[in-house]
Amino acid sequence: MHGHVALFKFNLSSGQSIGPVALRSLWSRACESADISVSRQTYRNGAGTKNTYLLHASPRLKDLPLVETRLRLLMNESKLLGTLTAVHH
């Protein structure tokens, strides 16, 4: 993860989750690179817990709009519903 920055984050709909291996695979396919990393932040709220998944890669990753499009398509194919947000500048 040396030199990686968070490029996207997402929250899944209630009752959905994704494990670290599946998340890495999804993100690697979207970026077309194995030089990626993922993390999960868990927050407590009144109804229980909420996970935010962070997708990290090199800040020099090429064609971020295309990566985002592939990521959205892969999430849809995997039946993952939620909100995806770009956090890169």
Protein backbone atom coordinates (compact mmCIF):
# COMPACT_ATOMS: atom_id res chain seq x y z
CA MET A 1 0.00 0.00 0.00
CA HIS A 2 3.08 2.22 -0.10
CA GLY A 3 2.21 5.33 -2.06
CA HIS A 4 -1.43 4.35 -2.53
CA VAL A 5 -4.23 6.84 -2.00
CA ALA A 6 -7.95 6.28 -1.59
CA LEU A 7 -9.60 6.86 -4.95
CA PHE A 8 -13.13 5.58 -4.29
CA LYS A 9 -15.28 4.68 -1.32
CA PHE A 10 -18.60 2.95 -1.14
CA ASN A 11 -21.29 1.89 1.29
CA LEU A 12 -23.45 -1.11 0.57
CA SER A 13 -27.17 -1.33 1.13
CA SER A 14 -28.42 -2.79 4.38
CA GLY A 15 -27.72 -6.49 4.75
CA GLN A 16 -24.96 -6.57 2.11
CA SER A 17 -21.25 -7.04 2.64
CA ILE A 18 -18.16 -8.07 0.73
CA GLY A 19 -15.06 -9.84 2.01
CA PRO A 20 -11.52 -8.59 1.50
CA VAL A 21 -10.58 -11.18 -1.17
CA ALA A 22 -13.67 -10.48 -3.27
CA LEU A 23 -13.22 -6.73 -2.79
CA ARG A 24 -9.57 -6.88 -3.92
CA SER A 25 -10.57 -8.93 -6.96
CA LEU A 26 -13.33 -6.51 -7.92
CA TRP A 27 -11.08 -3.46 -7.52
CA SER A 28 -8.15 -5.09 -9.33
CA ARG A 29 -10.41 -5.94 -12.28
CA ALA A 30 -11.78 -2.39 -12.40
CA CYS A 31 -8.26 -0.88 -12.39
CA GLU A 32 -6.74 -3.60 -14.54
CA SER A 33 -3.86 -3.67 -12.06
CA ALA A 34 -2.70 -5.84 -9.18
CA ASP A 35 -0.99 -2.83 -7.57
CA ILE A 36 -4.02 -1.94 -5.45
CA SER A 37 -5.20 -2.21 -1.86
CA VAL A 38 -8.52 -2.11 -0.05
CA SER A 39 -9.68 -1.31 3.45
CA ARG A 40 -12.87 -1.19 5.45
CA GLN A 41 -13.91 1.28 8.12
CA THR A 42 -16.67 0.25 10.52
CA TYR A 43 -18.82 2.86 12.22
CA ARG A 44 -21.39 2.36 14.93
CA ASN A 45 -24.72 4.06 14.58
CA GLY A 46 -28.02 3.82 16.43
CA ALA A 47 -29.17 0.80 14.41
CA GLY A 48 -25.90 -1.16 14.61
CA THR A 49 -22.82 -0.82 12.44
CA LYS A 50 -22.10 0.58 9.00
CA ASN A 51 -19.14 -0.29 6.79
CA THR A 52 -17.39 2.02 4.36
CA TYR A 53 -15.11 0.29 1.88
CA LEU A 54 -12.10 2.22 0.57
CA LEU A 55 -10.34 1.42 -2.70
CA HIS A 56 -6.70 2.49 -2.92
CA ALA A 57 -4.24 2.64 -5.81
CA SER A 58 -1.42 4.74 -7.16
CA PRO A 59 -2.32 8.43 -7.50
CA ARG A 60 -1.03 8.08 -11.08
CA LEU A 61 -3.66 5.51 -12.04
CA LYS A 62 -4.73 6.29 -15.61
CA ASP A 63 -8.23 7.11 -16.88
CA LEU A 64 -10.15 7.31 -13.62
CA PRO A 65 -13.52 7.90 -15.34
CA LEU A 66 -13.10 4.58 -17.19
CA VAL A 67 -12.02 2.84 -13.97
CA GLU A 68 -15.13 4.21 -12.25
CA THR A 69 -17.36 2.99 -15.07
CA ARG A 70 -15.84 -0.51 -14.90
CA LEU A 71 -16.16 -0.49 -11.11
CA ARG A 72 -19.86 0.40 -11.30
CA LEU A 73 -20.46 -2.33 -13.90
CA LEU A 74 -18.62 -4.94 -11.82
CA MET A 75 -20.54 -3.95 -8.68
CA ASN A 76 -23.80 -4.26 -10.62
CA GLU A 77 -22.79 -7.69 -11.99
CA SER A 78 -21.99 -8.77 -8.43
CA LYS A 79 -25.42 -7.53 -7.28
CA LEU A 80 -23.78 -5.06 -4.89
CA LEU A 81 -26.15 -2.15 -4.26
CA GLY A 82 -25.07 1.01 -2.56
CA THR A 83 -23.39 4.35 -3.09
CA LEU A 84 -20.02 4.80 -4.79
CA THR A 85 -18.15 8.06 -4.35
CA ALA A 86 -14.96 9.24 -6.00
CA VAL A 87 -12.58 10.66 -3.40
CA HIS A 88 -9.71 11.53 -5.76
CA HIS A 89 -9.00 15.06 -6.89
